[in-house]
Amino acid sequence: MARTTADFKRKILTLLKEDEEFRYAVVGLLGIEDLRSGQARLEEGQARLTEAIQKLAERHDSLERAVQKLVERNDSLEQIVQKLAERHDSLERAVQKLVEAQAKTEEALQDLSRQVGRLSDTIGFGLEDIARVVVPGWLYRHEGIELENLTRKFIKVNGEELEINLYGEGNKGGAKITILGEARSRIYSSDVKGFDELAEKVKKFVPNNVYKLMFGYYVHPSAEQEAKKRGITLIASYMR
C-alpha cells in the first residue's frame, strides 16, 4: 500500500514536470479552490459587515429615541421655565400689592396715632378734672392731709420749665405740705420712673415737704412695686 502511494506521488511529480497541459490543469484547479476559499471568506466578511450594519442601525434607532426624549424633556423644561416666569411675574405683582398695602397701613397707623394722641390729651384733661375732685378727699381720709384744691402748675428748674399737672399746697397735722402729682389713664412701672425723675427735679424748688402721688384709671402691679420703692402713692379712680 505504501509503495503504491509513493509510486502515485512520483507519477504526479513527473507529470507536473513533463506534461505542461497537466500542470496548467492542476494550477487551474488550485486557483478555483483559492477562489472558493476567498469567496467563503468574502461571504463570511459580508455576513459580519451585515451584522455590524444591523447593530449600527439599532444604535442609530436607540440614539434617535434618546434624542426624541431629550427633545421632549427640553419641551417640558421650557414649559416649566415658562410657568416659573409666570409665577415670578405673579409674585412680583403680589409683592407690589403688599408694598402698596403696607404704605396704606403705615399711613393709617400714623393717622390713628395722631387720633390716639388727641384722644389721650382729651382723656388726660378729663382725668385731671376727676383727680381734682377725688384726690383731696382721698388724701384727707387716708393720710390726714387737708388740701383745698389741685391745679396744673409750671415750675422753672435751672431755666427749664417743667409741668406738674396735679399741684397743691396743704397741711398735715399742722405742718405745711406740697403735693406733686400726675394723672395718667394707665400707670405702668415706666410711668412711675418718669414721674419720679420729674418730681425729684421739682421738689428742690417748691416750699415745704413734698408728697408724691399718681392718679389713674388702671394701675399695673409692676407700677405698684416701683412706686413703693420710690415713695410714691398710687391712687386708682375706683379707690375710695
C-alpha atoms as a PDB file:
ATOM      1  CA  MET A   1       0.000   0.000   0.000  1.00  0.00           C
ATOM      2  CA  ALA A   2       2.828   2.399   0.982  1.00  0.00           C
ATOM      3  CA  ARG A   3       4.656   1.542  -2.220  1.00  0.00           C
ATOM      4  CA  THR A   4       1.592   2.212  -4.306  1.00  0.00           C
ATOM      5  CA  THR A   5       1.164   5.684  -2.713  1.00  0.00           C
ATOM      6  CA  ALA A   6       4.810   6.523  -3.294  1.00  0.00           C
ATOM      7  CA  ASP A   7       4.563   5.426  -6.895  1.00  0.00           C
ATOM      8  CA  PHE A   8       1.468   7.595  -7.365  1.00  0.00           C
ATOM      9  CA  LYS A   9       3.255  10.668  -5.992  1.00  0.00           C
ATOM     10  CA  ARG A  10       6.226  10.063  -8.302  1.00  0.00           C
ATOM     11  CA  LYS A  11       3.902   9.831 -11.271  1.00  0.00           C
ATOM     12  CA  ILE A  12       2.203  13.090 -10.285  1.00  0.00           C
ATOM     13  CA  LEU A  13       5.503  14.914  -9.892  1.00  0.00           C
ATOM     14  CA  THR A  14       6.724  13.513 -13.233  1.00  0.00           C
ATOM     15  CA  LEU A  15       3.576  14.693 -14.943  1.00  0.00           C
ATOM     16  CA  LEU A  16       3.923  18.159 -13.398  1.00  0.00           C
ATOM     17  CA  LYS A  17       7.476  18.395 -14.732  1.00  0.00           C
ATOM     18  CA  GLU A  18       6.974  16.858 -18.157  1.00  0.00           C
ATOM     19  CA  ASP A  19       3.320  17.466 -19.036  1.00  0.00           C
ATOM     20  CA  GLU A  20       2.655  21.210 -19.427  1.00  0.00           C
ATOM     21  CA  GLU A  21      -1.069  20.734 -20.047  1.00  0.00           C
ATOM     22  CA  PHE A  22      -1.446  18.673 -16.880  1.00  0.00           C
ATOM     23  CA  ARG A  23       0.484  21.277 -14.948  1.00  0.00           C
ATOM     24  CA  TYR A  24      -1.906  24.077 -16.111  1.00  0.00           C
ATOM     25  CA  ALA A  25      -4.891  21.936 -15.232  1.00  0.00           C
ATOM     26  CA  VAL A  26      -3.610  21.471 -11.694  1.00  0.00           C
ATOM     27  CA  VAL A  27      -2.891  25.179 -11.350  1.00  0.00           C
ATOM     28  CA  GLY A  28      -6.383  25.955 -12.564  1.00  0.00           C
ATOM     29  CA  LEU A  29      -7.884  23.583 -10.073  1.00  0.00           C
ATOM     30  CA  LEU A  30      -5.860  25.170  -7.267  1.00  0.00           C
ATOM     31  CA  GLY A  31      -6.974  28.645  -8.342  1.00  0.00           C
ATOM     32  CA  ILE A  32     -10.595  27.573  -8.300  1.00  0.00           C
ATOM     33  CA  GLU A  33     -10.130  26.318  -4.759  1.00  0.00           C
ATOM     34  CA  ASP A  34      -8.490  29.602  -3.782  1.00  0.00           C
ATOM     35  CA  LEU A  35     -11.411  31.452  -5.335  1.00  0.00           C
ATOM     36  CA  ARG A  36     -13.845  29.278  -3.484  1.00  0.00           C
ATOM     37  CA  SER A  37     -11.959  29.838  -0.256  1.00  0.00           C
ATOM     38  CA  GLY A  38     -11.807  33.600  -0.911  1.00  0.00           C
ATOM     39  CA  GLN A  39     -15.489  33.617  -1.754  1.00  0.00           C
ATOM     40  CA  ALA A  40     -16.224  31.861   1.506  1.00  0.00           C
ATOM     41  CA  ARG A  41     -14.130  34.402   3.391  1.00  0.00           C
ATOM     42  CA  LEU A  42     -15.834  37.214   1.485  1.00  0.00           C
ATOM     43  CA  GLU A  43     -19.258  35.835   2.340  1.00  0.00           C
ATOM     44  CA  GLU A  44     -18.193  35.487   5.937  1.00  0.00           C
ATOM     45  CA  GLY A  45     -16.913  39.090   5.963  1.00  0.00           C
ATOM     46  CA  GLN A  46     -20.098  40.235   4.274  1.00  0.00           C
ATOM     47  CA  ALA A  47     -22.135  38.493   6.962  1.00  0.00           C
ATOM     48  CA  ARG A  48     -20.073  40.207   9.650  1.00  0.00           C
ATOM     49  CA  LEU A  49     -20.465  43.533   7.882  1.00  0.00           C
ATOM     50  CA  THR A  50     -24.235  42.986   7.658  1.00  0.00           C
ATOM     51  CA  GLU A  51     -24.318  42.167  11.358  1.00  0.00           C
ATOM     52  CA  ALA A  52     -22.321  45.310  12.104  1.00  0.00           C
ATOM     53  CA  ILE A  53     -24.592  47.415   9.973  1.00  0.00           C
ATOM     54  CA  GLN A  54     -27.570  45.922  11.787  1.00  0.00           C
ATOM     55  CA  LYS A  55     -26.028  46.816  15.137  1.00  0.00           C
ATOM     56  CA  LEU A  56     -25.272  50.320  13.887  1.00  0.00           C
ATOM     57  CA  ALA A  57     -28.875  50.651  12.716  1.00  0.00           C
ATOM     58  CA  GLU A  58     -30.106  49.526  16.121  1.00  0.00           C
ATOM     59  CA  ARG A  59     -27.784  52.010  17.814  1.00  0.00           C
ATOM     60  CA  HIS A  60     -28.980  54.702  15.426  1.00  0.00           C
ATOM     61  CA  ASP A  61     -32.585  53.905  16.341  1.00  0.00           C
ATOM     62  CA  SER A  62     -31.670  53.979  20.019  1.00  0.00           C
ATOM     63  CA  LEU A  63     -29.893  57.308  19.510  1.00  0.00           C
ATOM     64  CA  GLU A  64     -32.958  58.678  17.710  1.00  0.00           C
ATOM     65  CA  ARG A  65     -35.153  57.621  20.614  1.00  0.00           C
ATOM     66  CA  ALA A  66     -32.718  59.222  23.071  1.00  0.00           C
ATOM     67  CA  VAL A  67     -32.701  62.442  21.034  1.00  0.00           C
ATOM     68  CA  GLN A  68     -36.509  62.368  20.916  1.00  0.00           C
ATOM     69  CA  LYS A  69     -36.633  62.001  24.692  1.00  0.00           C
ATOM     70  CA  LEU A  70     -34.205  64.913  25.044  1.00  0.00           C
ATOM     71  CA  VAL A  71     -36.402  66.997  22.755  1.00  0.00           C
ATOM     72  CA  GLU A  72     -39.467  66.076  24.825  1.00  0.00           C
ATOM     73  CA  ARG A  73     -37.606  66.871  28.047  1.00  0.00           C
ATOM     74  CA  ASN A  74     -36.459  70.161  26.560  1.00  0.00           C
ATOM     75  CA  ASP A  75     -40.063  71.000  25.670  1.00  0.00           C
ATOM     76  CA  SER A  76     -41.114  70.045  29.182  1.00  0.00           C
ATOM     77  CA  LEU A  77     -38.292  72.157  30.630  1.00  0.00           C
ATOM     78  CA  GLU A  78     -39.363  75.110  28.505  1.00  0.00           C
ATOM     79  CA  GLN A  79     -42.904  74.709  29.815  1.00  0.00           C
ATOM     80  CA  ILE A  80     -41.591  74.605  33.402  1.00  0.00           C
ATOM     81  CA  VAL A  81     -39.462  77.707  32.791  1.00  0.00           C
ATOM     82  CA  GLN A  82     -42.492  79.441  31.297  1.00  0.00           C
ATOM     83  CA  LYS A  83     -44.599  78.545  34.321  1.00  0.00           C
ATOM     84  CA  LEU A  84     -41.840  79.749  36.662  1.00  0.00           C
ATOM     85  CA  ALA A  85     -41.652  83.011  34.744  1.00  0.00           C
ATOM     86  CA  GLU A  86     -45.425  83.418  35.053  1.00  0.00           C
ATOM     87  CA  ARG A  87     -45.261  82.655  38.777  1.00  0.00           C
ATOM     88  CA  HIS A  88     -42.390  85.126  39.156  1.00  0.00           C
ATOM     89  CA  ASP A  89     -44.465  87.818  37.455  1.00  0.00           C
ATOM     90  CA  SER A  90     -47.408  86.918  39.683  1.00  0.00           C
ATOM     91  CA  LEU A  91     -45.167  87.074  42.762  1.00  0.00           C
ATOM     92  CA  GLU A  92     -43.830  90.464  41.707  1.00  0.00           C
ATOM     93  CA  ARG A  93     -47.380  91.753  41.367  1.00  0.00           C
ATOM     94  CA  ALA A  94     -48.270  90.299  44.773  1.00  0.00           C
ATOM     95  CA  VAL A  95     -45.184  91.918  46.364  1.00  0.00           C
ATOM     96  CA  GLN A  96     -46.088  95.227  44.746  1.00  0.00           C
ATOM     97  CA  LYS A  97     -49.602  94.952  46.177  1.00  0.00           C
ATOM     98  CA  LEU A  98     -48.126  94.164  49.609  1.00  0.00           C
ATOM     99  CA  VAL A  99     -45.842  97.192  49.386  1.00  0.00           C
ATOM    100  CA  GLU A 100     -48.793  99.381  48.472  1.00  0.00           C
ATOM    101  CA  ALA A 101     -50.893  97.834  51.259  1.00  0.00           C
ATOM    102  CA  GLN A 102     -48.054  98.368  53.749  1.00  0.00           C
ATOM    103  CA  ALA A 103     -47.778 102.001  52.703  1.00  0.00           C
ATOM    104  CA  LYS A 104     -51.515 102.431  53.225  1.00  0.00           C
ATOM    105  CA  THR A 105     -51.275 100.623  56.573  1.00  0.00           C
ATOM    106  CA  GLU A 106     -48.420 102.848  57.722  1.00  0.00           C
ATOM    107  CA  GLU A 107     -50.379 105.907  56.687  1.00  0.00           C
ATOM    108  CA  ALA A 108     -53.446 104.606  58.550  1.00  0.00           C
ATOM    109  CA  LEU A 109     -51.312 103.864  61.637  1.00  0.00           C
ATOM    110  CA  GLN A 110     -49.875 107.368  61.573  1.00  0.00           C
ATOM    111  CA  ASP A 111     -53.369 108.793  61.336  1.00  0.00           C
ATOM    112  CA  LEU A 112     -54.520 106.512  64.152  1.00  0.00           C
ATOM    113  CA  SER A 113     -51.525 107.570  66.235  1.00  0.00           C
ATOM    114  CA  ARG A 114     -52.465 111.215  65.756  1.00  0.00           C
ATOM    115  CA  GLN A 115     -56.068 110.477  66.715  1.00  0.00           C
ATOM    116  CA  VAL A 116     -54.961 108.484  69.764  1.00  0.00           C
ATOM    117  CA  GLY A 117     -52.680 111.355  70.745  1.00  0.00           C
ATOM    118  CA  ARG A 118     -55.562 113.795  70.544  1.00  0.00           C
ATOM    119  CA  LEU A 119     -57.782 111.352  72.427  1.00  0.00           C
ATOM    120  CA  SER A 120     -55.113 110.900  75.089  1.00  0.00           C
ATOM    121  CA  ASP A 121     -54.949 114.651  75.542  1.00  0.00           C
ATOM    122  CA  THR A 122     -58.730 114.791  75.869  1.00  0.00           C
ATOM    123  CA  ILE A 123     -58.808 111.878  78.309  1.00  0.00           C
ATOM    124  CA  GLY A 124     -55.836 113.332  80.169  1.00  0.00           C
ATOM    125  CA  PHE A 125     -57.617 116.602  80.821  1.00  0.00           C
ATOM    126  CA  GLY A 126     -60.786 114.737  81.787  1.00  0.00           C
ATOM    127  CA  LEU A 127     -58.760 112.546  84.110  1.00  0.00           C
ATOM    128  CA  GLU A 128     -57.171 115.577  85.739  1.00  0.00           C
ATOM    129  CA  ASP A 129     -60.611 117.000  86.385  1.00  0.00           C
ATOM    130  CA  ILE A 130     -61.631 113.755  88.066  1.00  0.00           C
ATOM    131  CA  ALA A 131     -58.389 113.721  90.081  1.00  0.00           C
ATOM    132  CA  ARG A 132     -59.016 117.256  91.332  1.00  0.00           C
ATOM    133  CA  VAL A 133     -62.353 116.062  92.723  1.00  0.00           C
ATOM    134  CA  VAL A 134     -61.314 112.628  94.060  1.00  0.00           C
ATOM    135  CA  VAL A 135     -57.742 113.087  95.322  1.00  0.00           C
ATOM    136  CA  PRO A 136     -58.285 115.769  98.051  1.00  0.00           C
ATOM    137  CA  GLY A 137     -60.952 113.650  99.773  1.00  0.00           C
ATOM    138  CA  TRP A 138     -58.807 110.510  99.468  1.00  0.00           C
ATOM    139  CA  LEU A 139     -55.781 112.289 100.970  1.00  0.00           C
ATOM    140  CA  TYR A 140     -57.845 113.555 103.873  1.00  0.00           C
ATOM    141  CA  ARG A 141     -59.384 110.144 104.635  1.00  0.00           C
ATOM    142  CA  HIS A 142     -56.202 108.072 104.212  1.00  0.00           C
ATOM    143  CA  GLU A 143     -53.350 110.461 105.005  1.00  0.00           C
ATOM    144  CA  GLY A 144     -54.955 113.175 107.123  1.00  0.00           C
ATOM    145  CA  ILE A 145     -53.839 115.803 104.597  1.00  0.00           C
ATOM    146  CA  GLU A 146     -56.072 118.854 104.289  1.00  0.00           C
ATOM    147  CA  LEU A 147     -55.988 120.237 100.764  1.00  0.00           C
ATOM    148  CA  GLU A 148     -58.150 122.919  99.212  1.00  0.00           C
ATOM    149  CA  ASN A 149     -57.534 122.135  95.550  1.00  0.00           C
ATOM    150  CA  LEU A 150     -55.194 120.743  92.912  1.00  0.00           C
ATOM    151  CA  THR A 151     -54.112 122.714  89.845  1.00  0.00           C
ATOM    152  CA  ARG A 152     -51.799 122.442  86.850  1.00  0.00           C
ATOM    153  CA  LYS A 153     -48.545 124.292  87.544  1.00  0.00           C
ATOM    154  CA  PHE A 154     -45.386 125.073  85.575  1.00  0.00           C
ATOM    155  CA  ILE A 155     -42.203 125.366  87.608  1.00  0.00           C
ATOM    156  CA  LYS A 156     -38.872 126.646  86.310  1.00  0.00           C
ATOM    157  CA  VAL A 157     -35.928 124.430  87.195  1.00  0.00           C
ATOM    158  CA  ASN A 158     -32.485 125.672  86.100  1.00  0.00           C
ATOM    159  CA  GLY A 159     -34.016 127.560  83.199  1.00  0.00           C
ATOM    160  CA  GLU A 160     -36.203 124.629  82.173  1.00  0.00           C
ATOM    161  CA  GLU A 161     -39.991 124.887  82.530  1.00  0.00           C
ATOM    162  CA  LEU A 162     -41.402 121.657  83.982  1.00  0.00           C
ATOM    163  CA  GLU A 163     -45.101 120.816  84.165  1.00  0.00           C
ATOM    164  CA  ILE A 164     -46.865 119.306  87.181  1.00  0.00           C
ATOM    165  CA  ASN A 165     -50.498 118.590  86.304  1.00  0.00           C
ATOM    166  CA  LEU A 166     -51.601 117.901  89.918  1.00  0.00           C
ATOM    167  CA  TYR A 167     -50.088 120.543  92.207  1.00  0.00           C
ATOM    168  CA  GLY A 168     -51.411 121.655  95.572  1.00  0.00           C
ATOM    169  CA  GLU A 169     -50.365 123.043  98.940  1.00  0.00           C
ATOM    170  CA  GLY A 170     -51.983 121.850 102.170  1.00  0.00           C
ATOM    171  CA  ASN A 171     -51.135 120.751 105.682  1.00  0.00           C
ATOM    172  CA  LYS A 172     -50.861 117.596 107.722  1.00  0.00           C
ATOM    173  CA  GLY A 173     -51.057 117.780 111.482  1.00  0.00           C
ATOM    174  CA  GLY A 174     -50.311 121.484 111.372  1.00  0.00           C
ATOM    175  CA  ALA A 175     -47.275 121.101 109.080  1.00  0.00           C
ATOM    176  CA  LYS A 176     -47.371 122.504 105.583  1.00  0.00           C
ATOM    177  CA  ILE A 177     -47.040 120.041 102.729  1.00  0.00           C
ATOM    178  CA  THR A 178     -46.773 120.340  98.920  1.00  0.00           C
ATOM    179  CA  ILE A 179     -48.500 117.824  96.654  1.00  0.00           C
ATOM    180  CA  LEU A 180     -46.735 116.854  93.422  1.00  0.00           C
ATOM    181  CA  GLY A 181     -48.896 114.559  91.346  1.00  0.00           C
ATOM    182  CA  GLU A 182     -49.526 113.279  87.849  1.00  0.00           C
ATOM    183  CA  ALA A 183     -52.681 111.938  86.201  1.00  0.00           C
ATOM    184  CA  ARG A 184     -52.334 109.070  83.689  1.00  0.00           C
ATOM    185  CA  SER A 185     -55.079 106.835  82.333  1.00  0.00           C
ATOM    186  CA  ARG A 186     -52.915 103.682  82.710  1.00  0.00           C
ATOM    187  CA  ILE A 187     -49.947 103.584  85.058  1.00  0.00           C
ATOM    188  CA  TYR A 188     -47.012 101.213  84.474  1.00  0.00           C
ATOM    189  CA  SER A 189     -43.597 100.970  86.128  1.00  0.00           C
ATOM    190  CA  SER A 190     -42.010 103.114  83.379  1.00  0.00           C
ATOM    191  CA  ASP A 191     -44.564 105.852  84.073  1.00  0.00           C
ATOM    192  CA  VAL A 192     -43.670 105.782  87.765  1.00  0.00           C
ATOM    193  CA  LYS A 193     -39.962 106.107  86.973  1.00  0.00           C
ATOM    194  CA  GLY A 194     -40.570 109.009  84.595  1.00  0.00           C
ATOM    195  CA  PHE A 195     -42.745 110.912  87.065  1.00  0.00           C
ATOM    196  CA  ASP A 196     -40.308 110.353  89.939  1.00  0.00           C
ATOM    197  CA  GLU A 197     -37.443 111.831  87.909  1.00  0.00           C
ATOM    198  CA  LEU A 198     -39.612 114.901  87.220  1.00  0.00           C
ATOM    199  CA  ALA A 199     -40.733 115.230  90.857  1.00  0.00           C
ATOM    200  CA  GLU A 200     -37.159 114.932  92.177  1.00  0.00           C
ATOM    201  CA  LYS A 201     -36.102 117.835  89.947  1.00  0.00           C
ATOM    202  CA  VAL A 202     -39.054 119.984  91.011  1.00  0.00           C
ATOM    203  CA  LYS A 203     -39.153 119.362  94.775  1.00  0.00           C
ATOM    204  CA  LYS A 204     -35.964 121.360  95.346  1.00  0.00           C
ATOM    205  CA  PHE A 205     -37.743 124.438  94.018  1.00  0.00           C
ATOM    206  CA  VAL A 206     -41.035 124.197  95.934  1.00  0.00           C
ATOM    207  CA  PRO A 207     -41.736 125.081  99.561  1.00  0.00           C
ATOM    208  CA  ASN A 208     -42.478 122.608 102.346  1.00  0.00           C
ATOM    209  CA  ASN A 209     -42.200 118.824 102.429  1.00  0.00           C
ATOM    210  CA  VAL A 210     -43.270 117.027  99.242  1.00  0.00           C
ATOM    211  CA  TYR A 211     -45.900 114.319  98.914  1.00  0.00           C
ATOM    212  CA  LYS A 212     -45.699 112.460  95.555  1.00  0.00           C
ATOM    213  CA  LEU A 213     -48.728 110.726  94.040  1.00  0.00           C
ATOM    214  CA  MET A 214     -50.097 109.413  90.744  1.00  0.00           C
ATOM    215  CA  PHE A 215     -53.761 109.064  89.805  1.00  0.00           C
ATOM    216  CA  GLY A 216     -55.196 106.874  87.030  1.00  0.00           C
ATOM    217  CA  TYR A 217     -57.943 104.589  85.805  1.00  0.00           C
ATOM    218  CA  TYR A 218     -55.708 101.490  85.924  1.00  0.00           C
ATOM    219  CA  VAL A 219     -52.595 100.659  87.959  1.00  0.00           C
ATOM    220  CA  HIS A 220     -50.393  97.774  86.785  1.00  0.00           C
ATOM    221  CA  PRO A 221     -48.823  95.540  89.502  1.00  0.00           C
ATOM    222  CA  SER A 222     -45.325  96.442  88.282  1.00  0.00           C
ATOM    223  CA  ALA A 223     -46.158 100.108  88.897  1.00  0.00           C
ATOM    224  CA  GLU A 224     -47.129  99.342  92.495  1.00  0.00           C
ATOM    225  CA  GLN A 225     -43.747  97.751  93.195  1.00  0.00           C
ATOM    226  CA  GLU A 226     -41.853 100.625  91.581  1.00  0.00           C
ATOM    227  CA  ALA A 227     -43.924 103.264  93.408  1.00  0.00           C
ATOM    228  CA  LYS A 228     -43.305 101.584  96.761  1.00  0.00           C
ATOM    229  CA  LYS A 229     -39.525 101.771  96.204  1.00  0.00           C
ATOM    230  CA  ARG A 230     -39.712 105.456  95.267  1.00  0.00           C
ATOM    231  CA  GLY A 231     -42.148 106.616  97.959  1.00  0.00           C
ATOM    232  CA  ILE A 232     -44.945 107.467  95.526  1.00  0.00           C
ATOM    233  CA  THR A 233     -48.617 106.920  96.370  1.00  0.00           C
ATOM    234  CA  LEU A 234     -50.741 105.413  93.580  1.00  0.00           C
ATOM    235  CA  ILE A 235     -54.471 106.211  93.580  1.00  0.00           C
ATOM    236  CA  ALA A 236     -56.866 104.482  91.187  1.00  0.00           C
ATOM    237  CA  SER A 237     -60.132 106.157  90.225  1.00  0.00           C
ATOM    238  CA  TYR A 238     -62.133 103.329  91.796  1.00  0.00           C
ATOM    239  CA  MET A 239     -60.470 103.756  95.199  1.00  0.00           C
ATOM    240  CA  ARG A 240     -62.413 105.472  97.986  1.00  0.00           C
END
